[in-house]
Amino acid sequence: MRYRFVHTMPTAWSLEEQELLDEAVTFTNDYVGDDFFRDVSVFISEKLAIDYVVIGKFVQPDNEKIRTLIAVHDGEPFGNFDYDVKNTPCEHVLINGVCFYPSDVADHFPEDVALQELSIQSYMGTPLTDVDDNRIGLIVLMNIGEIRNPNLVQTFLTIISPRIEEEILKGEQQAAG
C-alpha cells in the first residue's frame, strides 16, 4: 500500500516544513527494516524534537490498559511496559481522538505519576485505528518543554499513523497464526 500526503488544514507550510512532511511520506512508503516500531519512534523523536515517544496497543479484553510496543526517550528505547489509561491524557485520546496539552499537562492529570516523575509539560496523543475505525492503540508524544508547531506535528502523525496501524494489525495476524 502506498501512502500519500493529503493536507486539509488551511495552513501554508514553509519549505522546511513541507520537506519534513515529505520525509514522513517517504519513510511511510519506503521503510524496510527489522524493527519498525523502534525505527519509526526514533524517526518521530528526531524529526519533531520530541523527548518521549510511545506507541502502544490495547491490552485485551477490557481495553483499559495500553501495552507499549516501543517507548523511546531522546531517541533511545527504554523498555516496554503496560499502564492503565484511566486518569491519564491517553484516556482522552482513546475516547475523544487527538489531544494536545501545550503546557502543564501534569497539573491536569495529578493521578498520572509518570507525568510528574518525568517532568512532562506538553503532550500530544493520537489514536490508532483498524480498518473499521475501532481504536487499537495510540501514539504519544511528550516533551519536558513545549511541543513546537503542533499543527505540523499533528499533520506529521496523520501521515505516519496508517503505516503504524498496518504494522500493529500485521503483528496481530501473525500472532494469531
N, C-alpha and C. Protein backbone atom coordinates (compact mmCIF):
# COMPACT_ATOMS: atom_id res chain seq x y z
N MET A 1 0.85 -1.17 0.00
CA MET A 1 0.00 0.00 0.00
C MET A 1 0.90 1.24 0.00
N ARG A 2 0.60 2.20 -0.84
CA ARG A 2 1.36 3.44 -0.91
C ARG A 2 0.54 4.53 -0.23
N TYR A 3 1.21 5.36 0.54
CA TYR A 3 0.56 6.46 1.22
C TYR A 3 0.94 7.75 0.53
N ARG A 4 0.05 8.69 0.58
CA ARG A 4 0.38 9.99 0.04
C ARG A 4 -0.11 11.05 1.01
N PHE A 5 0.49 12.16 0.94
CA PHE A 5 0.16 13.26 1.82
C PHE A 5 -1.02 14.02 1.24
N VAL A 6 -2.09 14.12 2.00
CA VAL A 6 -3.23 14.93 1.62
C VAL A 6 -3.50 15.86 2.79
N HIS A 7 -3.23 17.12 2.58
CA HIS A 7 -3.38 18.08 3.67
C HIS A 7 -4.68 18.84 3.52
N THR A 8 -5.48 18.85 4.58
CA THR A 8 -6.79 19.50 4.50
C THR A 8 -6.88 20.75 5.35
N MET A 9 -5.88 20.99 6.22
CA MET A 9 -5.93 22.19 7.05
C MET A 9 -5.46 23.38 6.23
N PRO A 10 -6.07 24.54 6.43
CA PRO A 10 -5.69 25.72 5.64
C PRO A 10 -4.39 26.34 6.15
N THR A 11 -3.30 25.59 6.04
CA THR A 11 -2.01 26.07 6.51
C THR A 11 -1.06 26.11 5.33
N ALA A 12 -0.36 27.22 5.21
CA ALA A 12 0.69 27.31 4.19
C ALA A 12 1.99 26.92 4.87
N TRP A 13 2.54 25.77 4.47
CA TRP A 13 3.76 25.28 5.09
C TRP A 13 4.96 26.00 4.48
N SER A 14 5.94 26.24 5.31
CA SER A 14 7.20 26.76 4.80
C SER A 14 7.89 25.64 4.01
N LEU A 15 8.91 25.97 3.28
CA LEU A 15 9.65 24.98 2.52
C LEU A 15 10.23 23.91 3.46
N GLU A 16 10.77 24.34 4.58
CA GLU A 16 11.34 23.40 5.56
C GLU A 16 10.27 22.47 6.12
N GLU A 17 9.10 23.03 6.44
CA GLU A 17 8.00 22.21 6.96
C GLU A 17 7.51 21.22 5.91
N GLN A 18 7.38 21.67 4.68
CA GLN A 18 6.95 20.78 3.60
C GLN A 18 7.94 19.65 3.39
N GLU A 19 9.23 19.96 3.48
CA GLU A 19 10.26 18.93 3.35
C GLU A 19 10.14 17.90 4.47
N LEU A 20 9.83 18.36 5.68
CA LEU A 20 9.64 17.44 6.80
C LEU A 20 8.46 16.51 6.55
N LEU A 21 7.36 17.06 6.06
CA LEU A 21 6.19 16.24 5.76
C LEU A 21 6.49 15.26 4.62
N ASP A 22 7.26 15.71 3.65
CA ASP A 22 7.67 14.82 2.56
C ASP A 22 8.54 13.68 3.09
N GLU A 23 9.39 13.97 4.06
CA GLU A 23 10.21 12.92 4.67
C GLU A 23 9.33 11.88 5.36
N ALA A 24 8.25 12.34 5.99
CA ALA A 24 7.31 11.40 6.64
C ALA A 24 6.65 10.51 5.60
N VAL A 25 6.26 11.08 4.47
CA VAL A 25 5.66 10.29 3.40
C VAL A 25 6.67 9.27 2.89
N THR A 26 7.89 9.71 2.66
CA THR A 26 8.92 8.81 2.15
C THR A 26 9.19 7.68 3.14
N PHE A 27 9.31 8.01 4.42
CA PHE A 27 9.53 6.97 5.43
C PHE A 27 8.39 5.96 5.41
N THR A 28 7.17 6.47 5.38
CA THR A 28 5.99 5.62 5.40
C THR A 28 5.94 4.69 4.20
N ASN A 29 6.27 5.21 3.04
CA ASN A 29 6.20 4.41 1.81
C ASN A 29 7.38 3.47 1.64
N ASP A 30 8.55 3.89 2.03
CA ASP A 30 9.77 3.18 1.65
C ASP A 30 10.44 2.39 2.76
N TYR A 31 9.93 2.46 3.99
CA TYR A 31 10.63 1.80 5.09
C TYR A 31 10.74 0.30 4.86
N VAL A 32 11.96 -0.19 5.02
CA VAL A 32 12.23 -1.62 5.03
C VAL A 32 13.22 -1.82 6.16
N GLY A 33 12.90 -2.71 7.09
CA GLY A 33 13.80 -2.95 8.20
C GLY A 33 13.25 -4.03 9.10
N ASP A 34 14.01 -4.34 10.12
CA ASP A 34 13.64 -5.43 11.02
C ASP A 34 12.93 -4.96 12.29
N ASP A 35 13.00 -3.68 12.60
CA ASP A 35 12.44 -3.18 13.86
C ASP A 35 11.65 -1.91 13.60
N PHE A 36 10.50 -2.07 12.96
CA PHE A 36 9.71 -0.92 12.53
C PHE A 36 9.37 0.02 13.68
N PHE A 37 8.85 -0.50 14.79
CA PHE A 37 8.38 0.37 15.86
C PHE A 37 9.52 1.19 16.46
N ARG A 38 10.68 0.56 16.62
CA ARG A 38 11.83 1.30 17.12
C ARG A 38 12.22 2.38 16.12
N ASP A 39 12.33 2.00 14.87
CA ASP A 39 12.79 2.94 13.85
C ASP A 39 11.82 4.10 13.65
N VAL A 40 10.53 3.82 13.64
CA VAL A 40 9.57 4.91 13.44
C VAL A 40 9.55 5.83 14.66
N SER A 41 9.72 5.29 15.86
CA SER A 41 9.75 6.12 17.06
C SER A 41 10.97 7.04 17.08
N VAL A 42 12.11 6.48 16.71
CA VAL A 42 13.33 7.30 16.64
C VAL A 42 13.18 8.37 15.56
N PHE A 43 12.60 8.00 14.42
CA PHE A 43 12.35 8.94 13.34
C PHE A 43 11.47 10.10 13.83
N ILE A 44 10.38 9.78 14.52
CA ILE A 44 9.48 10.81 15.06
C ILE A 44 10.23 11.68 16.06
N SER A 45 10.94 11.05 16.98
CA SER A 45 11.66 11.79 18.02
C SER A 45 12.66 12.76 17.41
N GLU A 46 13.44 12.28 16.45
CA GLU A 46 14.48 13.12 15.86
C GLU A 46 13.90 14.22 14.97
N LYS A 47 12.94 13.88 14.15
CA LYS A 47 12.41 14.86 13.19
C LYS A 47 11.58 15.94 13.85
N LEU A 48 10.88 15.60 14.94
CA LEU A 48 9.98 16.56 15.60
C LEU A 48 10.57 17.12 16.90
N ALA A 49 11.77 16.72 17.26
CA ALA A 49 12.41 17.17 18.51
C ALA A 49 11.52 16.85 19.72
N ILE A 50 11.17 15.57 19.83
CA ILE A 50 10.30 15.10 20.90
C ILE A 50 11.13 14.31 21.91
N ASP A 51 10.93 14.61 23.20
CA ASP A 51 11.68 13.93 24.26
C ASP A 51 11.26 12.47 24.42
N TYR A 52 9.95 12.22 24.46
CA TYR A 52 9.43 10.87 24.67
C TYR A 52 8.41 10.54 23.59
N VAL A 53 8.59 9.37 22.98
CA VAL A 53 7.62 8.85 22.01
C VAL A 53 7.22 7.46 22.49
N VAL A 54 5.91 7.25 22.58
CA VAL A 54 5.38 5.95 23.00
C VAL A 54 4.35 5.51 21.95
N ILE A 55 4.50 4.27 21.50
CA ILE A 55 3.50 3.66 20.63
C ILE A 55 2.99 2.44 21.39
N GLY A 56 1.67 2.35 21.55
CA GLY A 56 1.12 1.24 22.30
C GLY A 56 -0.19 0.76 21.73
N LYS A 57 -0.56 -0.43 22.18
CA LYS A 57 -1.85 -1.00 21.75
C LYS A 57 -2.63 -1.45 22.98
N PHE A 58 -3.93 -1.58 22.78
CA PHE A 58 -4.79 -2.02 23.87
C PHE A 58 -4.43 -3.42 24.34
N VAL A 59 -4.56 -3.63 25.62
CA VAL A 59 -4.46 -4.97 26.20
C VAL A 59 -5.88 -5.51 26.26
N GLN A 60 -6.10 -6.63 25.61
CA GLN A 60 -7.44 -7.25 25.58
C GLN A 60 -7.66 -8.03 26.87
N PRO A 61 -8.86 -8.26 27.34
CA PRO A 61 -10.12 -8.00 26.66
C PRO A 61 -10.79 -6.68 27.06
N ASP A 62 -10.33 -6.02 28.12
CA ASP A 62 -11.08 -4.87 28.64
C ASP A 62 -10.68 -3.52 28.06
N ASN A 63 -9.53 -3.44 27.36
CA ASN A 63 -9.06 -2.20 26.75
C ASN A 63 -8.87 -1.07 27.75
N GLU A 64 -8.59 -1.38 29.00
CA GLU A 64 -8.32 -0.35 30.00
C GLU A 64 -6.83 -0.15 30.23
N LYS A 65 -6.02 -0.93 29.53
CA LYS A 65 -4.57 -0.81 29.64
C LYS A 65 -3.98 -0.69 28.25
N ILE A 66 -2.83 -0.05 28.21
CA ILE A 66 -2.03 0.02 26.99
C ILE A 66 -0.76 -0.77 27.23
N ARG A 67 -0.37 -1.56 26.26
CA ARG A 67 0.93 -2.25 26.27
C ARG A 67 1.79 -1.54 25.24
N THR A 68 2.91 -1.02 25.69
CA THR A 68 3.77 -0.31 24.75
C THR A 68 4.44 -1.31 23.81
N LEU A 69 4.50 -0.91 22.56
CA LEU A 69 5.24 -1.66 21.55
C LEU A 69 6.65 -1.10 21.47
N ILE A 70 6.76 0.18 21.82
CA ILE A 70 8.06 0.86 21.91
C ILE A 70 7.87 2.12 22.75
N ALA A 71 8.88 2.44 23.50
CA ALA A 71 8.94 3.71 24.24
C ALA A 71 10.38 4.20 24.11
N VAL A 72 10.52 5.43 23.64
CA VAL A 72 11.86 5.99 23.49
C VAL A 72 11.97 7.32 24.21
N HIS A 73 13.16 7.58 24.73
CA HIS A 73 13.48 8.87 25.33
C HIS A 73 14.71 9.40 24.60
N ASP A 74 14.57 10.58 24.04
CA ASP A 74 15.65 11.19 23.25
C ASP A 74 16.18 10.21 22.20
N GLY A 75 15.28 9.47 21.58
CA GLY A 75 15.65 8.57 20.51
C GLY A 75 16.19 7.21 20.94
N GLU A 76 16.23 6.95 22.24
CA GLU A 76 16.75 5.68 22.75
C GLU A 76 15.64 4.87 23.41
N PRO A 77 15.44 3.62 23.01
CA PRO A 77 14.41 2.78 23.65
C PRO A 77 14.71 2.60 25.14
N PHE A 78 13.65 2.59 25.96
CA PHE A 78 13.88 2.39 27.39
C PHE A 78 13.01 1.29 28.00
N GLY A 79 12.51 0.39 27.20
CA GLY A 79 11.78 -0.75 27.75
C GLY A 79 10.29 -0.62 27.61
N ASN A 80 9.64 -1.74 27.38
CA ASN A 80 8.20 -1.76 27.23
C ASN A 80 7.51 -2.05 28.56
N PHE A 81 6.26 -1.64 28.64
CA PHE A 81 5.51 -1.77 29.88
C PHE A 81 4.02 -1.66 29.57
N ASP A 82 3.20 -2.07 30.53
CA ASP A 82 1.76 -1.90 30.47
C ASP A 82 1.38 -0.78 31.43
N TYR A 83 0.34 -0.01 31.08
CA TYR A 83 -0.14 1.01 32.00
C TYR A 83 -1.64 1.21 31.84
N ASP A 84 -2.27 1.61 32.95
CA ASP A 84 -3.70 1.93 32.96
C ASP A 84 -3.90 3.28 32.29
N VAL A 85 -4.94 3.38 31.47
CA VAL A 85 -5.22 4.65 30.81
C VAL A 85 -6.11 5.56 31.65
N LYS A 86 -6.77 5.00 32.63
CA LYS A 86 -7.68 5.80 33.45
C LYS A 86 -6.93 6.95 34.12
N ASN A 87 -7.52 8.13 34.07
CA ASN A 87 -6.98 9.34 34.68
C ASN A 87 -5.64 9.77 34.08
N THR A 88 -5.46 9.47 32.80
CA THR A 88 -4.27 9.93 32.07
C THR A 88 -4.74 10.67 30.82
N PRO A 89 -3.88 11.45 30.21
CA PRO A 89 -4.28 12.08 28.95
C PRO A 89 -4.57 11.04 27.86
N CYS A 90 -3.96 9.87 27.98
CA CYS A 90 -4.20 8.80 27.00
C CYS A 90 -5.67 8.38 26.99
N GLU A 91 -6.31 8.42 28.14
CA GLU A 91 -7.73 8.10 28.22
C GLU A 91 -8.53 9.05 27.32
N HIS A 92 -8.17 10.32 27.32
CA HIS A 92 -8.86 11.30 26.49
C HIS A 92 -8.59 11.06 25.01
N VAL A 93 -7.39 10.62 24.67
CA VAL A 93 -7.08 10.30 23.28
C VAL A 93 -7.96 9.15 22.81
N LEU A 94 -8.07 8.13 23.62
CA LEU A 94 -8.82 6.95 23.21
C LEU A 94 -10.32 7.20 23.14
N ILE A 95 -10.80 8.16 23.91
CA ILE A 95 -12.22 8.50 23.89
C ILE A 95 -12.52 9.57 22.84
N ASN A 96 -11.71 10.63 22.82
CA ASN A 96 -12.03 11.82 22.03
C ASN A 96 -11.23 11.98 20.74
N GLY A 97 -10.15 11.26 20.58
CA GLY A 97 -9.30 11.45 19.40
C GLY A 97 -8.06 12.24 19.77
N VAL A 98 -7.52 12.95 18.81
CA VAL A 98 -6.27 13.69 19.03
C VAL A 98 -6.44 14.65 20.20
N CYS A 99 -5.47 14.63 21.11
CA CYS A 99 -5.46 15.54 22.25
C CYS A 99 -4.12 16.23 22.33
N PHE A 100 -4.15 17.51 22.61
CA PHE A 100 -2.93 18.29 22.74
C PHE A 100 -3.02 19.15 23.99
N TYR A 101 -2.02 19.01 24.83
CA TYR A 101 -1.88 19.82 26.03
C TYR A 101 -0.58 20.59 25.86
N PRO A 102 -0.65 21.89 25.54
CA PRO A 102 0.56 22.64 25.23
C PRO A 102 1.47 22.89 26.43
N SER A 103 0.89 22.90 27.64
CA SER A 103 1.71 23.14 28.82
C SER A 103 0.99 22.60 30.06
N ASP A 104 1.77 22.35 31.09
CA ASP A 104 1.26 21.95 32.41
C ASP A 104 0.34 20.74 32.36
N VAL A 105 0.63 19.79 31.49
CA VAL A 105 -0.22 18.61 31.38
C VAL A 105 -0.30 17.85 32.70
N ALA A 106 0.78 17.80 33.44
CA ALA A 106 0.78 17.07 34.72
C ALA A 106 -0.21 17.67 35.71
N ASP A 107 -0.44 18.98 35.64
CA ASP A 107 -1.41 19.62 36.52
C ASP A 107 -2.84 19.17 36.21
N HIS A 108 -3.10 18.83 34.96
CA HIS A 108 -4.43 18.38 34.54
C HIS A 108 -4.69 16.92 34.92
N PHE A 109 -3.61 16.18 35.17
CA PHE A 109 -3.72 14.75 35.48
C PHE A 109 -2.86 14.41 36.70
N PRO A 110 -3.27 14.88 37.87
CA PRO A 110 -2.44 14.67 39.07
C PRO A 110 -2.26 13.20 39.46
N GLU A 111 -3.16 12.33 39.00
CA GLU A 111 -3.02 10.90 39.33
C GLU A 111 -2.05 10.19 38.39
N ASP A 112 -1.61 10.84 37.33
CA ASP A 112 -0.65 10.26 36.41
C ASP A 112 0.76 10.57 36.92
N VAL A 113 1.27 9.68 37.74
CA VAL A 113 2.55 9.87 38.42
C VAL A 113 3.69 9.98 37.42
N ALA A 114 3.62 9.25 36.32
CA ALA A 114 4.70 9.27 35.33
C ALA A 114 4.91 10.68 34.77
N LEU A 115 3.83 11.41 34.54
CA LEU A 115 3.97 12.78 34.04
C LEU A 115 4.77 13.62 35.02
N GLN A 116 4.50 13.43 36.32
CA GLN A 116 5.22 14.18 37.36
C GLN A 116 6.68 13.77 37.41
N GLU A 117 6.91 12.45 37.44
CA GLU A 117 8.28 11.94 37.57
C GLU A 117 9.16 12.32 36.40
N LEU A 118 8.59 12.38 35.21
CA LEU A 118 9.36 12.71 34.01
C LEU A 118 9.39 14.21 33.71
N SER A 119 8.72 15.00 34.54
CA SER A 119 8.64 16.46 34.37
C SER A 119 8.06 16.86 33.02
N ILE A 120 7.03 16.14 32.60
CA ILE A 120 6.40 16.39 31.31
C ILE A 120 5.56 17.66 31.38
N GLN A 121 5.77 18.55 30.42
CA GLN A 121 5.00 19.79 30.34
C GLN A 121 3.96 19.74 29.22
N SER A 122 4.34 19.21 28.06
CA SER A 122 3.40 19.20 26.93
C SER A 122 3.22 17.77 26.42
N TYR A 123 2.03 17.55 25.85
CA TYR A 123 1.61 16.20 25.46
C TYR A 123 0.76 16.29 24.21
N MET A 124 1.00 15.38 23.28
CA MET A 124 0.10 15.19 22.15
C MET A 124 -0.07 13.70 21.95
N GLY A 125 -1.30 13.29 21.78
CA GLY A 125 -1.59 11.89 21.52
C GLY A 125 -2.59 11.77 20.40
N THR A 126 -2.45 10.71 19.63
CA THR A 126 -3.39 10.45 18.55
C THR A 126 -3.75 8.96 18.57
N PRO A 127 -5.02 8.64 18.37
CA PRO A 127 -5.41 7.24 18.38
C PRO A 127 -4.97 6.51 17.12
N LEU A 128 -4.82 5.22 17.27
CA LEU A 128 -4.57 4.32 16.15
C LEU A 128 -5.81 3.46 15.98
N THR A 129 -6.22 3.24 14.74
CA THR A 129 -7.47 2.53 14.49
C THR A 129 -7.27 1.41 13.48
N ASP A 130 -8.24 0.49 13.48
CA ASP A 130 -8.23 -0.57 12.46
C ASP A 130 -9.06 -0.10 11.27
N VAL A 131 -9.27 -0.97 10.30
CA VAL A 131 -9.99 -0.60 9.08
C VAL A 131 -11.45 -0.23 9.33
N ASP A 132 -12.01 -0.69 10.47
CA ASP A 132 -13.39 -0.35 10.83
C ASP A 132 -13.46 0.84 11.77
N ASP A 133 -12.34 1.55 11.95
CA ASP A 133 -12.23 2.73 12.79
C ASP A 133 -12.36 2.43 14.29
N ASN A 134 -12.10 1.17 14.67
CA ASN A 134 -12.05 0.81 16.09
C ASN A 134 -10.68 1.18 16.64
N ARG A 135 -10.65 1.73 17.83
CA ARG A 135 -9.38 2.12 18.45
C ARG A 135 -8.58 0.88 18.82
N ILE A 136 -7.35 0.82 18.34
CA ILE A 136 -6.48 -0.33 18.65
C ILE A 136 -5.28 0.08 19.49
N GLY A 137 -5.00 1.38 19.57
CA GLY A 137 -3.85 1.85 20.33
C GLY A 137 -3.67 3.34 20.16
N LEU A 138 -2.43 3.80 20.40
CA LEU A 138 -2.17 5.23 20.30
C LEU A 138 -0.69 5.52 20.10
N ILE A 139 -0.44 6.74 19.67
CA ILE A 139 0.90 7.31 19.62
C ILE A 139 0.89 8.48 20.60
N VAL A 140 1.89 8.52 21.46
CA VAL A 140 2.00 9.59 22.45
C VAL A 140 3.33 10.30 22.27
N LEU A 141 3.27 11.62 22.25
CA LEU A 141 4.46 12.46 22.23
C LEU A 141 4.45 13.30 23.49
N MET A 142 5.56 13.31 24.22
CA MET A 142 5.65 14.09 25.46
C MET A 142 6.97 14.85 25.48
N ASN A 143 6.89 16.10 25.91
CA ASN A 143 8.09 16.92 26.00
C ASN A 143 8.22 17.54 27.38
N ILE A 144 9.46 17.70 27.78
CA ILE A 144 9.74 18.42 29.03
C ILE A 144 9.46 19.90 28.82
N GLY A 145 9.69 20.39 27.63
CA GLY A 145 9.32 21.75 27.24
C GLY A 145 8.07 21.70 26.39
N GLU A 146 7.90 22.70 25.58
CA GLU A 146 6.70 22.72 24.73
C GLU A 146 6.92 21.91 23.45
N ILE A 147 5.83 21.37 22.93
CA ILE A 147 5.85 20.76 21.61
C ILE A 147 5.66 21.90 20.62
N ARG A 148 6.69 22.13 19.83
CA ARG A 148 6.65 23.24 18.89
C ARG A 148 5.84 22.89 17.65
N ASN A 149 5.14 23.88 17.13
CA ASN A 149 4.38 23.77 15.89
C ASN A 149 3.41 22.58 15.91
N PRO A 150 2.43 22.61 16.82
CA PRO A 150 1.53 21.46 16.97
C PRO A 150 0.74 21.10 15.71
N ASN A 151 0.40 22.07 14.86
CA ASN A 151 -0.31 21.73 13.62
C ASN A 151 0.56 20.89 12.71
N LEU A 152 1.82 21.23 12.62
CA LEU A 152 2.75 20.46 11.82
C LEU A 152 2.93 19.06 12.42
N VAL A 153 3.07 18.99 13.73
CA VAL A 153 3.24 17.70 14.42
C VAL A 153 2.03 16.81 14.17
N GLN A 154 0.83 17.38 14.31
CA GLN A 154 -0.38 16.59 14.10
C GLN A 154 -0.46 16.10 12.65
N THR A 155 -0.11 16.94 11.70
CA THR A 155 -0.12 16.53 10.30
C THR A 155 0.90 15.42 10.05
N PHE A 156 2.09 15.56 10.64
CA PHE A 156 3.14 14.55 10.54
C PHE A 156 2.62 13.20 11.05
N LEU A 157 1.94 13.22 12.22
CA LEU A 157 1.38 11.97 12.79
C LEU A 157 0.28 11.40 11.90
N THR A 158 -0.49 12.26 11.26
CA THR A 158 -1.54 11.80 10.36
C THR A 158 -0.94 11.05 9.18
N ILE A 159 0.23 11.47 8.75
CA ILE A 159 0.91 10.80 7.64
C ILE A 159 1.48 9.45 8.10
N ILE A 160 2.08 9.42 9.27
CA ILE A 160 2.78 8.23 9.78
C ILE A 160 1.81 7.17 10.32
N SER A 161 0.70 7.60 10.89
CA SER A 161 -0.21 6.68 11.61
C SER A 161 -0.69 5.48 10.80
N PRO A 162 -1.11 5.64 9.55
CA PRO A 162 -1.61 4.46 8.83
C PRO A 162 -0.59 3.32 8.73
N ARG A 163 0.66 3.66 8.57
CA ARG A 163 1.68 2.60 8.49
C ARG A 163 1.85 1.93 9.85
N ILE A 164 1.79 2.70 10.92
CA ILE A 164 1.89 2.13 12.26
C ILE A 164 0.70 1.20 12.51
N GLU A 165 -0.49 1.65 12.13
CA GLU A 165 -1.69 0.82 12.29
C GLU A 165 -1.54 -0.48 11.51
N GLU A 166 -1.05 -0.36 10.28
CA GLU A 166 -0.86 -1.54 9.44
C GLU A 166 0.11 -2.53 10.09
N GLU A 167 1.19 -2.04 10.67
CA GLU A 167 2.19 -2.90 11.31
C GLU A 167 1.63 -3.57 12.57
N ILE A 168 0.82 -2.84 13.33
CA ILE A 168 0.18 -3.45 14.52
C ILE A 168 -0.74 -4.58 14.09
N LEU A 169 -1.59 -4.30 13.11
CA LEU A 169 -2.54 -5.30 12.65
C LEU A 169 -1.83 -6.51 12.03
N LYS A 170 -0.75 -6.27 11.30
CA LYS A 170 0.03 -7.37 10.73
C LYS A 170 0.62 -8.23 11.85
N GLY A 171 1.13 -7.59 12.89
CA GLY A 171 1.67 -8.33 14.04
C GLY A 171 0.61 -9.18 14.74
N GLU A 172 -0.58 -8.63 14.86
CA GLU A 172 -1.67 -9.37 15.49
C GLU A 172 -2.08 -10.58 14.63
N GLN A 173 -2.11 -10.40 13.32
CA GLN A 173 -2.45 -11.51 12.42
C GLN A 173 -1.40 -12.60 12.50
N GLN A 174 -0.13 -12.21 12.56
CA GLN A 174 0.94 -13.20 12.65
C GLN A 174 0.88 -13.93 13.98
N ALA A 175 0.55 -13.23 15.05
CA ALA A 175 0.47 -13.86 16.37
C ALA A 175 -0.71 -14.83 16.45
N ALA A 176 -1.79 -14.51 15.70
CA ALA A 176 -2.97 -15.38 15.71
C ALA A 176 -2.76 -16.64 14.87
N GLY A 177 -1.72 -16.64 14.05
CA GLY A 177 -1.39 -17.83 13.26
C GLY A 177 -1.87 -17.70 11.89
